[in-house]
Amino acid sequence: MLRKIIKIDEEKCNGCGLCAKACHEGAIEMIDGKAKLTREDYCDGLGDCLPACPTNAITFEEREAPAYNEAAVLAAKQAKSGDTLPCGCPGTNSKAIKREATPATAFSAPITSQLQQWPVQIKLVPINAPYFDNANLLVAADCTAFAYGNFHNEFIRNHITLIGCPKLDEGDYSEKLTQIIANNNIKSVTIARMEVPCCGGIENAVKRALQASGKFIPWRVVTISTYGRIVD
């Protein structure tokens, strides 16, 4: 089938092995001091390995390749660790998060939403809208607002918000994000993602969109842990 898959330039590869560690599907192995894509059917095409490479030896290409075999990836992971994951992302390991109880009072002030537009889903938002003019854009993985308690005040406030999940949504966000950035006067872009590897897809999509737009716009990435803390 014709699909997006990574390509490794062995001449640029310095053998650091960071991409192999970043590839949680196990598609990349180090052979004779070079990174090699040894299992094309393990590559999900999200590109978690791209930002890990210090020499930019990894890129995307669209070509004939076996379909991503999630069942085989899960079986390989289970064989290595003995753990069963409900999907291919290690971030789906279940865990309980214990927090100190906060006493509720009848006089607690209501929390005001800071959302400035609707819709918010990347796939539903129009490419051109008046609220994009001179906007500070927030592109967020949809779990971030649930994990980080003060997300509205610290991130959504004074931003136009777009959300998505690269693990659950079909297709690539980068094409639509490119059109939004290229056709509107965007002042800045903030990427909010979870620490789980599959969130690398939304970060990479925004980075590709910024590059393809041909514009020089200030941008930053904020990573939130599953415990609700900013980790970088």
C-alpha atoms as a PDB file:
ATOM      1  CA  MET A   1       0.000   0.000   0.000  1.00  0.00           C
ATOM      2  CA  LEU A   2       1.057   3.622  -0.552  1.00  0.00           C
ATOM      3  CA  ARG A   3       1.627   5.329   2.791  1.00  0.00           C
ATOM      4  CA  LYS A   4       3.850   7.694   4.750  1.00  0.00           C
ATOM      5  CA  ILE A   5       6.892   6.059   6.332  1.00  0.00           C
ATOM      6  CA  ILE A   6      10.256   7.192   7.652  1.00  0.00           C
ATOM      7  CA  LYS A   7      13.468   7.247   5.619  1.00  0.00           C
ATOM      8  CA  ILE A   8      16.931   7.110   7.230  1.00  0.00           C
ATOM      9  CA  ASP A   9      19.921   8.711   5.497  1.00  0.00           C
ATOM     10  CA  GLU A  10      22.792   6.450   6.591  1.00  0.00           C
ATOM     11  CA  GLU A  11      25.377   9.019   5.495  1.00  0.00           C
ATOM     12  CA  LYS A  12      23.991  11.547   7.981  1.00  0.00           C
ATOM     13  CA  CYS A  13      23.460   8.962  10.742  1.00  0.00           C
ATOM     14  CA  ASN A  14      26.115   9.241  13.470  1.00  0.00           C
ATOM     15  CA  GLY A  15      25.108   6.028  15.205  1.00  0.00           C
ATOM     16  CA  CYS A  16      23.916   7.656  18.430  1.00  0.00           C
ATOM     17  CA  GLY A  17      20.950   5.291  18.722  1.00  0.00           C
ATOM     18  CA  LEU A  18      18.539   7.957  19.980  1.00  0.00           C
ATOM     19  CA  CYS A  19      16.046   7.235  17.219  1.00  0.00           C
ATOM     20  CA  ALA A  20      15.934   3.541  18.111  1.00  0.00           C
ATOM     21  CA  LYS A  21      15.156   4.477  21.719  1.00  0.00           C
ATOM     22  CA  ALA A  22      12.489   6.950  20.603  1.00  0.00           C
ATOM     23  CA  CYS A  23      10.796   4.374  18.360  1.00  0.00           C
ATOM     24  CA  HIS A  24       8.475   2.673  20.813  1.00  0.00           C
ATOM     25  CA  GLU A  25       7.197   0.358  18.100  1.00  0.00           C
ATOM     26  CA  GLY A  26      10.634  -1.227  17.662  1.00  0.00           C
ATOM     27  CA  ALA A  27      10.843  -0.512  13.937  1.00  0.00           C
ATOM     28  CA  ILE A  28      14.411   0.852  14.111  1.00  0.00           C
ATOM     29  CA  GLU A  29      17.516  -1.127  15.088  1.00  0.00           C
ATOM     30  CA  MET A  30      21.193  -0.255  15.259  1.00  0.00           C
ATOM     31  CA  ILE A  31      23.166  -2.394  12.819  1.00  0.00           C
ATOM     32  CA  ASP A  32      26.911  -1.939  12.267  1.00  0.00           C
ATOM     33  CA  GLY A  33      26.769   1.434  13.983  1.00  0.00           C
ATOM     34  CA  LYS A  34      23.946   2.791  11.834  1.00  0.00           C
ATOM     35  CA  ALA A  35      20.204   3.164  12.375  1.00  0.00           C
ATOM     36  CA  LYS A  36      18.129   1.011  10.049  1.00  0.00           C
ATOM     37  CA  LEU A  37      14.397   0.634   9.534  1.00  0.00           C
ATOM     38  CA  THR A  38      14.257  -3.133   9.948  1.00  0.00           C
ATOM     39  CA  ARG A  39      10.481  -3.565  10.258  1.00  0.00           C
ATOM     40  CA  GLU A  40       8.465  -1.387   7.912  1.00  0.00           C
ATOM     41  CA  ASP A  41       5.244  -2.919   9.259  1.00  0.00           C
ATOM     42  CA  TYR A  42       6.202  -1.661  12.754  1.00  0.00           C
ATOM     43  CA  CYS A  43       6.531   1.965  11.593  1.00  0.00           C
ATOM     44  CA  ASP A  44       3.297   3.846  12.341  1.00  0.00           C
ATOM     45  CA  GLY A  45       4.354   6.913  10.354  1.00  0.00           C
ATOM     46  CA  LEU A  46       3.936   9.333  13.276  1.00  0.00           C
ATOM     47  CA  GLY A  47       7.642  10.152  13.397  1.00  0.00           C
ATOM     48  CA  ASP A  48       8.473  10.076  17.118  1.00  0.00           C
ATOM     49  CA  CYS A  49      12.043   9.333  16.002  1.00  0.00           C
ATOM     50  CA  LEU A  50      12.424  12.552  13.959  1.00  0.00           C
ATOM     51  CA  PRO A  51      12.949  15.047  16.809  1.00  0.00           C
ATOM     52  CA  ALA A  52      15.296  12.586  18.546  1.00  0.00           C
ATOM     53  CA  CYS A  53      17.799  12.598  15.673  1.00  0.00           C
ATOM     54  CA  PRO A  54      20.543  15.212  16.215  1.00  0.00           C
ATOM     55  CA  THR A  55      21.752  15.101  12.597  1.00  0.00           C
ATOM     56  CA  ASN A  56      18.359  15.319  10.814  1.00  0.00           C
ATOM     57  CA  ALA A  57      19.053  11.978   9.180  1.00  0.00           C
ATOM     58  CA  ILE A  58      15.386  10.934   9.353  1.00  0.00           C
ATOM     59  CA  THR A  59      12.653  12.288   7.091  1.00  0.00           C
ATOM     60  CA  PHE A  60       9.251  11.189   5.849  1.00  0.00           C
ATOM     61  CA  GLU A  61       8.576   9.744   2.435  1.00  0.00           C
ATOM     62  CA  GLU A  62       5.437   8.406   0.796  1.00  0.00           C
ATOM     63  CA  ARG A  63       5.983   5.069  -0.923  1.00  0.00           C
ATOM     64  CA  GLU A  64       4.798   1.497  -1.199  1.00  0.00           C
ATOM     65  CA  ALA A  65       5.217  -0.205   2.176  1.00  0.00           C
ATOM     66  CA  PRO A  66       3.467  -2.854   4.270  1.00  0.00           C
ATOM     67  CA  ALA A  67       0.571  -1.580   6.343  1.00  0.00           C
ATOM     68  CA  TYR A  68       1.273  -0.713   9.972  1.00  0.00           C
ATOM     69  CA  ASN A  69       0.747  -3.956  11.922  1.00  0.00           C
ATOM     70  CA  GLU A  70      -0.348  -2.844  15.364  1.00  0.00           C
ATOM     71  CA  ALA A  71      -1.122  -6.412  16.468  1.00  0.00           C
ATOM     72  CA  ALA A  72       2.431  -7.512  15.679  1.00  0.00           C
ATOM     73  CA  VAL A  73       3.854  -4.502  17.530  1.00  0.00           C
ATOM     74  CA  LEU A  74       1.756  -5.301  20.599  1.00  0.00           C
ATOM     75  CA  ALA A  75       2.772  -8.954  20.499  1.00  0.00           C
ATOM     76  CA  ALA A  76       6.450  -8.012  20.271  1.00  0.00           C
ATOM     77  CA  LYS A  77       6.128  -5.629  23.212  1.00  0.00           C
ATOM     78  CA  GLN A  78       4.305  -8.196  25.294  1.00  0.00           C
ATOM     79  CA  ALA A  79       6.984 -10.772  24.542  1.00  0.00           C
ATOM     80  CA  LYS A  80       9.653  -8.366  25.777  1.00  0.00           C
ATOM     81  CA  SER A  81       7.945  -7.005  28.856  1.00  0.00           C
ATOM     82  CA  GLY A  82       5.158  -9.387  29.710  1.00  0.00           C
ATOM     83  CA  ASP A  83       2.761  -6.425  29.828  1.00  0.00           C
ATOM     84  CA  THR A  84      -0.393  -6.134  27.770  1.00  0.00           C
ATOM     85  CA  LEU A  85      -1.208  -2.719  26.338  1.00  0.00           C
ATOM     86  CA  PRO A  86      -4.604  -1.855  24.895  1.00  0.00           C
ATOM     87  CA  CYS A  87      -2.947  -0.025  21.995  1.00  0.00           C
ATOM     88  CA  GLY A  88       0.493   0.556  20.575  1.00  0.00           C
ATOM     89  CA  CYS A  89       1.314   3.517  22.804  1.00  0.00           C
ATOM     90  CA  PRO A  90       3.169   2.933  26.103  1.00  0.00           C
ATOM     91  CA  GLY A  91       1.331   5.941  27.465  1.00  0.00           C
ATOM     92  CA  THR A  92      -1.827   3.819  27.733  1.00  0.00           C
ATOM     93  CA  ASN A  93      -0.511   1.864  30.705  1.00  0.00           C
ATOM     94  CA  SER A  94      -3.203   2.296  33.350  1.00  0.00           C
ATOM     95  CA  LYS A  95      -2.307   3.841  36.693  1.00  0.00           C
ATOM     96  CA  ALA A  96      -4.075   5.503  39.554  1.00  0.00           C
ATOM     97  CA  ILE A  97      -3.127   9.079  40.409  1.00  0.00           C
ATOM     98  CA  LYS A  98      -3.550   9.928  44.074  1.00  0.00           C
ATOM     99  CA  ARG A  99      -3.964  13.571  45.018  1.00  0.00           C
ATOM    100  CA  GLU A 100      -4.562  15.345  48.267  1.00  0.00           C
ATOM    101  CA  ALA A 101      -8.245  15.912  48.847  1.00  0.00           C
ATOM    102  CA  THR A 102      -9.403  19.497  48.397  1.00  0.00           C
ATOM    103  CA  PRO A 103     -12.355  20.369  50.614  1.00  0.00           C
ATOM    104  CA  ALA A 104     -15.358  21.547  48.647  1.00  0.00           C
ATOM    105  CA  THR A 105     -17.299  24.567  49.815  1.00  0.00           C
ATOM    106  CA  ALA A 106     -20.597  26.008  48.792  1.00  0.00           C
ATOM    107  CA  PHE A 107     -18.899  29.362  48.243  1.00  0.00           C
ATOM    108  CA  SER A 108     -16.218  28.226  45.791  1.00  0.00           C
ATOM    109  CA  ALA A 109     -15.966  30.651  42.908  1.00  0.00           C
ATOM    110  CA  PRO A 110     -16.918  29.133  39.535  1.00  0.00           C
ATOM    111  CA  ILE A 111     -14.073  28.698  37.055  1.00  0.00           C
ATOM    112  CA  THR A 112     -14.612  30.721  33.897  1.00  0.00           C
ATOM    113  CA  SER A 113     -13.818  29.167  30.537  1.00  0.00           C
ATOM    114  CA  GLN A 114     -11.155  31.005  28.532  1.00  0.00           C
ATOM    115  CA  LEU A 115     -12.110  29.431  25.207  1.00  0.00           C
ATOM    116  CA  GLN A 116     -12.377  32.112  22.518  1.00  0.00           C
ATOM    117  CA  GLN A 117     -13.799  30.221  19.536  1.00  0.00           C
ATOM    118  CA  TRP A 118     -15.706  27.184  18.326  1.00  0.00           C
ATOM    119  CA  PRO A 119     -15.144  24.571  16.951  1.00  0.00           C
ATOM    120  CA  VAL A 120     -11.839  23.515  18.451  1.00  0.00           C
ATOM    121  CA  GLN A 121     -11.133  20.194  16.723  1.00  0.00           C
ATOM    122  CA  ILE A 122      -8.395  20.559  14.096  1.00  0.00           C
ATOM    123  CA  LYS A 123     -10.454  18.565  11.612  1.00  0.00           C
ATOM    124  CA  LEU A 124     -13.544  20.765  12.102  1.00  0.00           C
ATOM    125  CA  VAL A 125     -12.124  24.261  12.348  1.00  0.00           C
ATOM    126  CA  PRO A 126     -12.289  26.363   9.146  1.00  0.00           C
ATOM    127  CA  ILE A 127      -9.068  27.339   7.389  1.00  0.00           C
ATOM    128  CA  ASN A 128     -10.035  31.004   7.305  1.00  0.00           C
ATOM    129  CA  ALA A 129     -11.884  32.671  10.158  1.00  0.00           C
ATOM    130  CA  PRO A 130     -11.810  36.223  11.588  1.00  0.00           C
ATOM    131  CA  TYR A 131     -10.472  34.987  14.932  1.00  0.00           C
ATOM    132  CA  PHE A 132      -7.252  33.797  13.267  1.00  0.00           C
ATOM    133  CA  ASP A 133      -6.259  37.395  12.485  1.00  0.00           C
ATOM    134  CA  ASN A 134      -3.345  38.405  14.718  1.00  0.00           C
ATOM    135  CA  ALA A 135      -3.921  35.285  16.822  1.00  0.00           C
ATOM    136  CA  ASN A 136      -1.725  33.464  19.282  1.00  0.00           C
ATOM    137  CA  LEU A 137      -2.391  29.876  18.250  1.00  0.00           C
ATOM    138  CA  LEU A 138      -2.528  26.970  20.703  1.00  0.00           C
ATOM    139  CA  VAL A 139      -2.345  23.502  19.164  1.00  0.00           C
ATOM    140  CA  ALA A 140      -2.975  20.998  21.931  1.00  0.00           C
ATOM    141  CA  ALA A 141      -3.301  17.270  22.337  1.00  0.00           C
ATOM    142  CA  ASP A 142      -6.808  16.801  23.662  1.00  0.00           C
ATOM    143  CA  CYS A 143      -5.667  15.056  26.874  1.00  0.00           C
ATOM    144  CA  THR A 144      -3.675  18.070  28.042  1.00  0.00           C
ATOM    145  CA  ALA A 145      -6.667  20.054  29.291  1.00  0.00           C
ATOM    146  CA  PHE A 146      -7.752  17.104  31.429  1.00  0.00           C
ATOM    147  CA  ALA A 147      -4.297  16.418  32.842  1.00  0.00           C
ATOM    148  CA  TYR A 148      -3.267  19.984  33.687  1.00  0.00           C
ATOM    149  CA  GLY A 149      -5.596  21.621  36.182  1.00  0.00           C
ATOM    150  CA  ASN A 150      -4.993  25.260  35.254  1.00  0.00           C
ATOM    151  CA  PHE A 151      -4.984  24.673  31.506  1.00  0.00           C
ATOM    152  CA  HIS A 152      -7.610  27.310  30.701  1.00  0.00           C
ATOM    153  CA  ASN A 153      -5.837  30.149  32.500  1.00  0.00           C
ATOM    154  CA  GLU A 154      -2.277  29.255  31.544  1.00  0.00           C
ATOM    155  CA  PHE A 155      -2.744  28.031  27.978  1.00  0.00           C
ATOM    156  CA  ILE A 156      -6.184  28.691  26.465  1.00  0.00           C
ATOM    157  CA  ARG A 157      -6.385  32.246  27.815  1.00  0.00           C
ATOM    158  CA  ASN A 158      -5.707  34.791  25.012  1.00  0.00           C
ATOM    159  CA  HIS A 159      -5.179  31.977  22.495  1.00  0.00           C
ATOM    160  CA  ILE A 160      -7.121  30.472  19.628  1.00  0.00           C
ATOM    161  CA  THR A 161      -7.278  26.796  20.509  1.00  0.00           C
ATOM    162  CA  LEU A 162      -7.064  23.782  18.199  1.00  0.00           C
ATOM    163  CA  ILE A 163      -7.092  20.254  19.618  1.00  0.00           C
ATOM    164  CA  GLY A 164      -6.566  16.758  18.272  1.00  0.00           C
ATOM    165  CA  CYS A 165      -5.201  13.296  18.974  1.00  0.00           C
ATOM    166  CA  PRO A 166      -2.778  11.871  16.393  1.00  0.00           C
ATOM    167  CA  LYS A 167      -3.283   8.368  17.763  1.00  0.00           C
ATOM    168  CA  LEU A 168      -7.061   8.331  17.310  1.00  0.00           C
ATOM    169  CA  ASP A 169      -7.659  10.676  14.366  1.00  0.00           C
ATOM    170  CA  GLU A 170      -7.091   9.427  10.848  1.00  0.00           C
ATOM    171  CA  GLY A 171      -4.753  11.327   8.554  1.00  0.00           C
ATOM    172  CA  ASP A 172      -2.105  13.946   9.099  1.00  0.00           C
ATOM    173  CA  TYR A 173      -2.812  17.375  10.608  1.00  0.00           C
ATOM    174  CA  SER A 174       0.124  19.096   8.933  1.00  0.00           C
ATOM    175  CA  GLU A 175      -1.616  19.908   5.630  1.00  0.00           C
ATOM    176  CA  LYS A 176      -4.531  21.725   7.270  1.00  0.00           C
ATOM    177  CA  LEU A 177      -2.311  23.437   9.830  1.00  0.00           C
ATOM    178  CA  THR A 178      -0.086  24.622   6.981  1.00  0.00           C
ATOM    179  CA  GLN A 179      -3.067  26.258   5.291  1.00  0.00           C
ATOM    180  CA  ILE A 180      -4.200  27.903   8.533  1.00  0.00           C
ATOM    181  CA  ILE A 181      -0.735  29.321   9.235  1.00  0.00           C
ATOM    182  CA  ALA A 182      -0.040  30.320   5.634  1.00  0.00           C
ATOM    183  CA  ASN A 183      -3.387  32.031   5.018  1.00  0.00           C
ATOM    184  CA  ASN A 184      -3.750  33.914   8.289  1.00  0.00           C
ATOM    185  CA  ASN A 185      -1.787  36.415  10.335  1.00  0.00           C
ATOM    186  CA  ILE A 186      -0.666  34.121  13.169  1.00  0.00           C
ATOM    187  CA  LYS A 187       1.502  35.857  15.813  1.00  0.00           C
ATOM    188  CA  SER A 188       2.791  32.810  17.676  1.00  0.00           C
ATOM    189  CA  VAL A 189       2.240  29.073  18.061  1.00  0.00           C
ATOM    190  CA  THR A 190       2.239  27.071  21.293  1.00  0.00           C
ATOM    191  CA  ILE A 191       2.212  23.283  21.109  1.00  0.00           C
ATOM    192  CA  ALA A 192       0.864  21.534  24.217  1.00  0.00           C
ATOM    193  CA  ARG A 193       1.399  17.795  24.265  1.00  0.00           C
ATOM    194  CA  MET A 194       1.450  14.951  26.748  1.00  0.00           C
ATOM    195  CA  GLU A 195       4.679  13.163  27.630  1.00  0.00           C
ATOM    196  CA  VAL A 196       3.442   9.926  26.008  1.00  0.00           C
ATOM    197  CA  PRO A 197       5.247   9.046  22.738  1.00  0.00           C
ATOM    198  CA  CYS A 198       2.184   9.102  20.478  1.00  0.00           C
ATOM    199  CA  CYS A 199       1.807  12.841  21.195  1.00  0.00           C
ATOM    200  CA  GLY A 200       4.950  13.350  19.132  1.00  0.00           C
ATOM    201  CA  GLY A 201       2.647  13.164  16.134  1.00  0.00           C
ATOM    202  CA  ILE A 202       0.929  16.454  16.932  1.00  0.00           C
ATOM    203  CA  GLU A 203       4.245  18.179  17.676  1.00  0.00           C
ATOM    204  CA  ASN A 204       5.762  16.984  14.410  1.00  0.00           C
ATOM    205  CA  ALA A 205       2.661  18.000  12.434  1.00  0.00           C
ATOM    206  CA  VAL A 206       2.906  21.577  13.721  1.00  0.00           C
ATOM    207  CA  LYS A 207       6.636  21.742  13.028  1.00  0.00           C
ATOM    208  CA  ARG A 208       6.101  20.529   9.460  1.00  0.00           C
ATOM    209  CA  ALA A 209       3.278  23.042   9.001  1.00  0.00           C
ATOM    210  CA  LEU A 210       5.425  25.922  10.215  1.00  0.00           C
ATOM    211  CA  GLN A 211       8.188  24.930   7.828  1.00  0.00           C
ATOM    212  CA  ALA A 212       5.837  24.421   4.877  1.00  0.00           C
ATOM    213  CA  SER A 213       4.094  27.752   5.478  1.00  0.00           C
ATOM    214  CA  GLY A 214       7.290  29.638   4.674  1.00  0.00           C
ATOM    215  CA  LYS A 215       6.702  31.975   7.620  1.00  0.00           C
ATOM    216  CA  PHE A 216       8.986  32.716  10.559  1.00  0.00           C
ATOM    217  CA  ILE A 217       6.685  32.570  13.574  1.00  0.00           C
ATOM    218  CA  PRO A 218       7.756  32.229  17.230  1.00  0.00           C
ATOM    219  CA  TRP A 219       6.804  28.810  18.562  1.00  0.00           C
ATOM    220  CA  ARG A 220       7.320  26.668  21.642  1.00  0.00           C
ATOM    221  CA  VAL A 221       6.512  23.172  22.885  1.00  0.00           C
ATOM    222  CA  VAL A 222       5.163  22.464  26.374  1.00  0.00           C
ATOM    223  CA  THR A 223       5.057  18.852  27.575  1.00  0.00           C
ATOM    224  CA  ILE A 224       2.703  17.785  30.349  1.00  0.00           C
ATOM    225  CA  SER A 225       3.102  14.606  32.370  1.00  0.00           C
ATOM    226  CA  THR A 226       0.244  12.202  33.075  1.00  0.00           C
ATOM    227  CA  TYR A 227       0.463  13.423  36.672  1.00  0.00           C
ATOM    228  CA  GLY A 228      -0.439  16.934  35.518  1.00  0.00           C
ATOM    229  CA  ARG A 229       2.955  18.616  35.730  1.00  0.00           C
ATOM    230  CA  ILE A 230       4.861  20.581  33.093  1.00  0.00           C
ATOM    231  CA  VAL A 231       7.995  18.556  32.388  1.00  0.00           C
ATOM    232  CA  ASP A 232       9.695  20.844  29.853  1.00  0.00           C
END
